[in-house]
Amino acid sequence: MVEELDEANRAAPLTLKSTRQAPGDWLFPSFFLCMAVAALPLIGMHWTAPEGMATWRAFADALVFALPVIVPLPFLFLGCLGMLALQPASRTPAALGFLGVAMLIGLAGMHALFA
């Protein structure tokens, strides 16, 4: 009888614990990517263009090229904050890391814009 139970346990496949994600976990990486695409041209323009070349026209061109990702930024930001506030399962180190780095990139872009 004991041998039959051992054989039954051996035949059963091992199941891995599924790693379920919170419903809105895609918000944090997408907010990070949109922030990077929107802010990095501003940062690069500030560091690479000489003082005479950094004109309003160059700034306007950088904004026009980044416009498709600038428009959803407020919605993604509010979605990230809403997920953190309403879904305790979304408070993971990865989500907080994506949000923190995206905010740092955004602050660097604002610094480059106003400097």
N, C-alpha and C. Protein backbone atom coordinates (compact mmCIF):
# COMPACT_ATOMS: atom_id res chain seq x y z
N MET A 1 0.82 -1.19 0.00
CA MET A 1 0.00 0.00 0.00
C MET A 1 0.87 1.26 0.00
N VAL A 2 1.93 1.24 0.78
CA VAL A 2 2.83 2.39 0.83
C VAL A 2 3.51 2.58 -0.51
N GLU A 3 3.86 1.48 -1.16
CA GLU A 3 4.52 1.57 -2.46
C GLU A 3 3.59 2.17 -3.51
N GLU A 4 2.30 1.86 -3.43
CA GLU A 4 1.34 2.42 -4.37
C GLU A 4 1.23 3.93 -4.20
N LEU A 5 1.26 4.43 -2.97
CA LEU A 5 1.20 5.87 -2.74
C LEU A 5 2.45 6.55 -3.26
N ASP A 6 3.61 5.92 -3.06
CA ASP A 6 4.85 6.50 -3.56
C ASP A 6 4.84 6.59 -5.08
N GLU A 7 4.33 5.56 -5.74
CA GLU A 7 4.27 5.56 -7.20
C GLU A 7 3.29 6.63 -7.70
N ALA A 8 2.21 6.83 -6.98
CA ALA A 8 1.24 7.85 -7.39
C ALA A 8 1.84 9.25 -7.24
N ASN A 9 2.62 9.46 -6.20
CA ASN A 9 3.26 10.77 -6.02
C ASN A 9 4.33 11.02 -7.06
N ARG A 10 5.02 9.99 -7.48
CA ARG A 10 6.06 10.14 -8.50
C ARG A 10 5.47 10.45 -9.86
N ALA A 11 4.32 9.91 -10.14
CA ALA A 11 3.71 10.10 -11.45
C ALA A 11 3.10 11.51 -11.61
N ALA A 12 2.77 12.12 -10.49
CA ALA A 12 2.15 13.46 -10.57
C ALA A 12 3.21 14.48 -10.98
N PRO A 13 2.94 15.30 -11.98
CA PRO A 13 3.92 16.30 -12.39
C PRO A 13 4.06 17.40 -11.33
N LEU A 14 5.23 17.92 -11.24
CA LEU A 14 5.47 19.02 -10.32
C LEU A 14 4.89 20.30 -10.91
N THR A 15 4.15 21.01 -10.13
CA THR A 15 3.57 22.26 -10.60
C THR A 15 4.31 23.40 -9.92
N LEU A 16 4.66 24.37 -10.71
CA LEU A 16 5.31 25.55 -10.18
C LEU A 16 4.26 26.53 -9.71
N LYS A 17 4.59 27.23 -8.68
CA LYS A 17 3.68 28.25 -8.19
C LYS A 17 3.61 29.37 -9.23
N SER A 18 2.42 29.68 -9.66
CA SER A 18 2.27 30.70 -10.69
C SER A 18 2.54 32.08 -10.09
N THR A 19 3.21 32.88 -10.86
CA THR A 19 3.50 34.25 -10.42
C THR A 19 2.46 35.16 -11.06
N ARG A 20 1.41 35.42 -10.34
CA ARG A 20 0.35 36.30 -10.84
C ARG A 20 0.78 37.74 -10.67
N GLN A 21 0.49 38.51 -11.66
CA GLN A 21 0.79 39.93 -11.61
C GLN A 21 -0.49 40.69 -11.32
N ALA A 22 -0.31 41.87 -10.77
CA ALA A 22 -1.46 42.74 -10.54
C ALA A 22 -2.01 43.18 -11.90
N PRO A 23 -3.28 43.52 -11.98
CA PRO A 23 -3.88 43.87 -13.27
C PRO A 23 -3.21 45.03 -14.00
N GLY A 24 -2.63 45.97 -13.29
CA GLY A 24 -2.06 47.14 -13.96
C GLY A 24 -0.55 47.20 -13.92
N ASP A 25 0.12 46.07 -13.84
CA ASP A 25 1.58 46.09 -13.76
C ASP A 25 2.24 46.60 -15.03
N TRP A 26 1.54 46.64 -16.12
CA TRP A 26 2.10 47.16 -17.36
C TRP A 26 2.23 48.68 -17.32
N LEU A 27 1.53 49.35 -16.40
CA LEU A 27 1.56 50.82 -16.34
C LEU A 27 2.94 51.35 -15.99
N PHE A 28 3.63 50.69 -15.05
CA PHE A 28 4.90 51.23 -14.56
C PHE A 28 6.00 51.19 -15.62
N PRO A 29 6.23 50.07 -16.32
CA PRO A 29 7.24 50.11 -17.39
C PRO A 29 6.85 51.04 -18.54
N SER A 30 5.56 51.12 -18.86
CA SER A 30 5.16 52.01 -19.96
C SER A 30 5.34 53.47 -19.57
N PHE A 31 5.08 53.83 -18.32
CA PHE A 31 5.32 55.20 -17.86
C PHE A 31 6.81 55.52 -17.92
N PHE A 32 7.64 54.57 -17.52
CA PHE A 32 9.09 54.76 -17.59
C PHE A 32 9.55 54.98 -19.03
N LEU A 33 9.08 54.15 -19.95
CA LEU A 33 9.51 54.28 -21.35
C LEU A 33 9.03 55.58 -21.98
N CYS A 34 7.79 55.97 -21.70
CA CYS A 34 7.28 57.22 -22.25
C CYS A 34 8.04 58.42 -21.68
N MET A 35 8.34 58.37 -20.40
CA MET A 35 9.10 59.47 -19.78
C MET A 35 10.50 59.55 -20.37
N ALA A 36 11.12 58.41 -20.60
CA ALA A 36 12.46 58.42 -21.17
C ALA A 36 12.45 58.98 -22.59
N VAL A 37 11.48 58.58 -23.40
CA VAL A 37 11.42 59.07 -24.77
C VAL A 37 11.09 60.56 -24.80
N ALA A 38 10.30 61.04 -23.85
CA ALA A 38 9.93 62.45 -23.83
C ALA A 38 11.03 63.33 -23.28
N ALA A 39 11.77 62.88 -22.27
CA ALA A 39 12.72 63.75 -21.58
C ALA A 39 14.14 63.65 -22.12
N LEU A 40 14.54 62.51 -22.64
CA LEU A 40 15.93 62.36 -23.06
C LEU A 40 16.34 63.29 -24.20
N PRO A 41 15.48 63.62 -25.17
CA PRO A 41 15.90 64.62 -26.16
C PRO A 41 16.17 65.98 -25.54
N LEU A 42 15.40 66.36 -24.54
CA LEU A 42 15.64 67.64 -23.87
C LEU A 42 16.97 67.63 -23.13
N ILE A 43 17.26 66.53 -22.46
CA ILE A 43 18.52 66.43 -21.73
C ILE A 43 19.69 66.42 -22.69
N GLY A 44 19.58 65.66 -23.77
CA GLY A 44 20.65 65.60 -24.76
C GLY A 44 20.87 66.92 -25.46
N MET A 45 19.79 67.64 -25.75
CA MET A 45 19.92 68.93 -26.42
C MET A 45 20.63 69.92 -25.50
N HIS A 46 20.37 69.84 -24.23
CA HIS A 46 20.99 70.75 -23.27
C HIS A 46 22.50 70.50 -23.16
N TRP A 47 22.90 69.24 -23.21
CA TRP A 47 24.31 68.91 -23.03
C TRP A 47 25.13 68.99 -24.31
N THR A 48 24.51 68.75 -25.47
CA THR A 48 25.28 68.66 -26.70
C THR A 48 25.25 69.92 -27.55
N ALA A 49 24.23 70.75 -27.42
CA ALA A 49 24.13 71.94 -28.26
C ALA A 49 24.90 73.10 -27.61
N PRO A 50 25.68 73.80 -28.40
CA PRO A 50 26.32 75.02 -27.87
C PRO A 50 25.25 76.03 -27.49
N GLU A 51 25.65 77.03 -26.74
CA GLU A 51 24.69 78.01 -26.23
C GLU A 51 23.91 78.70 -27.36
N GLY A 52 24.57 79.03 -28.46
CA GLY A 52 23.89 79.72 -29.55
C GLY A 52 22.94 78.82 -30.32
N MET A 53 23.16 77.51 -30.28
CA MET A 53 22.35 76.59 -31.06
C MET A 53 21.07 76.18 -30.33
N ALA A 54 21.04 76.28 -29.03
CA ALA A 54 19.87 75.87 -28.27
C ALA A 54 18.80 76.96 -28.36
N THR A 55 18.11 76.97 -29.45
CA THR A 55 17.08 77.99 -29.69
C THR A 55 15.70 77.40 -29.46
N TRP A 56 14.72 78.24 -29.54
CA TRP A 56 13.35 77.79 -29.37
C TRP A 56 12.97 76.80 -30.47
N ARG A 57 13.54 76.96 -31.68
CA ARG A 57 13.20 76.07 -32.78
C ARG A 57 13.68 74.65 -32.51
N ALA A 58 14.89 74.50 -31.96
CA ALA A 58 15.39 73.17 -31.63
C ALA A 58 14.55 72.54 -30.52
N PHE A 59 14.15 73.35 -29.56
CA PHE A 59 13.30 72.86 -28.49
C PHE A 59 11.94 72.43 -29.04
N ALA A 60 11.38 73.22 -29.94
CA ALA A 60 10.08 72.89 -30.52
C ALA A 60 10.17 71.60 -31.34
N ASP A 61 11.28 71.42 -32.07
CA ASP A 61 11.44 70.18 -32.83
C ASP A 61 11.52 68.98 -31.90
N ALA A 62 12.24 69.10 -30.80
CA ALA A 62 12.33 67.99 -29.84
C ALA A 62 10.95 67.66 -29.26
N LEU A 63 10.15 68.68 -28.98
CA LEU A 63 8.81 68.43 -28.45
C LEU A 63 7.88 67.81 -29.48
N VAL A 64 8.00 68.24 -30.74
CA VAL A 64 7.15 67.67 -31.78
C VAL A 64 7.45 66.19 -31.97
N PHE A 65 8.74 65.84 -31.96
CA PHE A 65 9.09 64.43 -32.12
C PHE A 65 8.66 63.59 -30.92
N ALA A 66 8.61 64.19 -29.74
CA ALA A 66 8.21 63.46 -28.54
C ALA A 66 6.72 63.57 -28.24
N LEU A 67 5.97 64.27 -29.07
CA LEU A 67 4.55 64.49 -28.80
C LEU A 67 3.73 63.21 -28.64
N PRO A 68 3.96 62.17 -29.44
CA PRO A 68 3.15 60.95 -29.24
C PRO A 68 3.32 60.30 -27.87
N VAL A 69 4.41 60.58 -27.18
CA VAL A 69 4.57 60.01 -25.84
C VAL A 69 4.33 61.04 -24.75
N ILE A 70 4.28 62.31 -25.10
CA ILE A 70 3.99 63.34 -24.10
C ILE A 70 2.51 63.34 -23.75
N VAL A 71 1.66 63.08 -24.73
CA VAL A 71 0.22 63.12 -24.51
C VAL A 71 -0.23 62.09 -23.46
N PRO A 72 0.21 60.82 -23.51
CA PRO A 72 -0.29 59.86 -22.51
C PRO A 72 0.42 59.94 -21.15
N LEU A 73 1.45 60.77 -21.01
CA LEU A 73 2.19 60.81 -19.75
C LEU A 73 1.32 61.14 -18.53
N PRO A 74 0.46 62.15 -18.57
CA PRO A 74 -0.35 62.42 -17.37
C PRO A 74 -1.28 61.27 -17.02
N PHE A 75 -1.84 60.61 -18.04
CA PHE A 75 -2.74 59.50 -17.78
C PHE A 75 -1.99 58.31 -17.20
N LEU A 76 -0.80 58.03 -17.72
CA LEU A 76 0.00 56.94 -17.17
C LEU A 76 0.45 57.24 -15.75
N PHE A 77 0.80 58.49 -15.48
CA PHE A 77 1.22 58.87 -14.13
C PHE A 77 0.07 58.69 -13.14
N LEU A 78 -1.11 59.18 -13.51
CA LEU A 78 -2.27 59.01 -12.63
C LEU A 78 -2.64 57.54 -12.47
N GLY A 79 -2.48 56.77 -13.54
CA GLY A 79 -2.74 55.33 -13.44
C GLY A 79 -1.78 54.64 -12.50
N CYS A 80 -0.50 55.01 -12.56
CA CYS A 80 0.49 54.43 -11.64
C CYS A 80 0.16 54.79 -10.19
N LEU A 81 -0.17 56.04 -9.95
CA LEU A 81 -0.51 56.44 -8.58
C LEU A 81 -1.79 55.75 -8.11
N GLY A 82 -2.75 55.60 -8.99
CA GLY A 82 -3.98 54.91 -8.64
C GLY A 82 -3.74 53.44 -8.33
N MET A 83 -2.88 52.80 -9.12
CA MET A 83 -2.56 51.40 -8.85
C MET A 83 -1.86 51.24 -7.51
N LEU A 84 -0.95 52.15 -7.20
CA LEU A 84 -0.26 52.07 -5.92
C LEU A 84 -1.22 52.30 -4.76
N ALA A 85 -2.18 53.18 -4.95
CA ALA A 85 -3.11 53.50 -3.87
C ALA A 85 -4.19 52.43 -3.71
N LEU A 86 -4.68 51.86 -4.81
CA LEU A 86 -5.84 50.97 -4.73
C LEU A 86 -5.49 49.48 -4.77
N GLN A 87 -4.37 49.11 -5.35
CA GLN A 87 -3.99 47.71 -5.48
C GLN A 87 -2.75 47.42 -4.64
N PRO A 88 -2.89 46.87 -3.47
CA PRO A 88 -1.70 46.57 -2.65
C PRO A 88 -0.75 45.58 -3.32
N ALA A 89 -1.27 44.73 -4.21
CA ALA A 89 -0.41 43.76 -4.89
C ALA A 89 0.55 44.44 -5.87
N SER A 90 0.26 45.66 -6.27
CA SER A 90 1.12 46.35 -7.23
C SER A 90 2.30 47.05 -6.57
N ARG A 91 2.37 47.05 -5.26
CA ARG A 91 3.47 47.72 -4.56
C ARG A 91 4.68 46.80 -4.48
N THR A 92 5.25 46.51 -5.64
CA THR A 92 6.42 45.64 -5.70
C THR A 92 7.66 46.49 -5.86
N PRO A 93 8.83 45.94 -5.56
CA PRO A 93 10.06 46.71 -5.77
C PRO A 93 10.27 47.12 -7.23
N ALA A 94 9.89 46.26 -8.15
CA ALA A 94 10.04 46.60 -9.57
C ALA A 94 9.16 47.79 -9.95
N ALA A 95 7.92 47.78 -9.49
CA ALA A 95 7.00 48.87 -9.82
C ALA A 95 7.49 50.18 -9.22
N LEU A 96 7.91 50.14 -7.97
CA LEU A 96 8.41 51.36 -7.34
C LEU A 96 9.71 51.83 -7.99
N GLY A 97 10.54 50.89 -8.42
CA GLY A 97 11.78 51.26 -9.12
C GLY A 97 11.50 51.94 -10.45
N PHE A 98 10.57 51.35 -11.25
CA PHE A 98 10.20 51.98 -12.52
C PHE A 98 9.66 53.38 -12.29
N LEU A 99 8.79 53.53 -11.30
CA LEU A 99 8.21 54.84 -11.03
C LEU A 99 9.26 55.83 -10.56
N GLY A 100 10.16 55.40 -9.69
CA GLY A 100 11.21 56.29 -9.18
C GLY A 100 12.17 56.74 -10.26
N VAL A 101 12.62 55.82 -11.10
CA VAL A 101 13.56 56.19 -12.17
C VAL A 101 12.86 57.07 -13.20
N ALA A 102 11.60 56.79 -13.50
CA ALA A 102 10.87 57.64 -14.44
C ALA A 102 10.74 59.05 -13.90
N MET A 103 10.49 59.18 -12.60
CA MET A 103 10.39 60.52 -12.01
C MET A 103 11.75 61.23 -12.04
N LEU A 104 12.84 60.50 -11.81
CA LEU A 104 14.17 61.12 -11.90
C LEU A 104 14.47 61.60 -13.32
N ILE A 105 14.11 60.80 -14.30
CA ILE A 105 14.32 61.21 -15.70
C ILE A 105 13.48 62.44 -16.01
N GLY A 106 12.24 62.46 -15.52
CA GLY A 106 11.39 63.63 -15.74
C GLY A 106 11.93 64.88 -15.07
N LEU A 107 12.46 64.73 -13.86
CA LEU A 107 13.07 65.88 -13.19
C LEU A 107 14.32 66.36 -13.91
N ALA A 108 15.10 65.43 -14.45
CA ALA A 108 16.29 65.82 -15.23
C ALA A 108 15.87 66.56 -16.50
N GLY A 109 14.79 66.12 -17.12
CA GLY A 109 14.28 66.82 -18.31
C GLY A 109 13.80 68.22 -17.98
N MET A 110 13.11 68.37 -16.84
CA MET A 110 12.66 69.71 -16.43
C MET A 110 13.85 70.61 -16.08
N HIS A 111 14.86 70.02 -15.46
CA HIS A 111 16.07 70.81 -15.15
C HIS A 111 16.74 71.28 -16.43
N ALA A 112 16.82 70.40 -17.42
CA ALA A 112 17.44 70.77 -18.69
C ALA A 112 16.59 71.82 -19.41
N LEU A 113 15.30 71.75 -19.25
CA LEU A 113 14.42 72.71 -19.91
C LEU A 113 14.55 74.11 -19.32
N PHE A 114 14.64 74.19 -17.99
CA PHE A 114 14.67 75.49 -17.34
C PHE A 114 16.07 76.02 -17.07
N ALA A 115 17.08 75.23 -17.34
CA ALA A 115 18.46 75.70 -17.07
C ALA A 115 18.98 76.54 -18.21
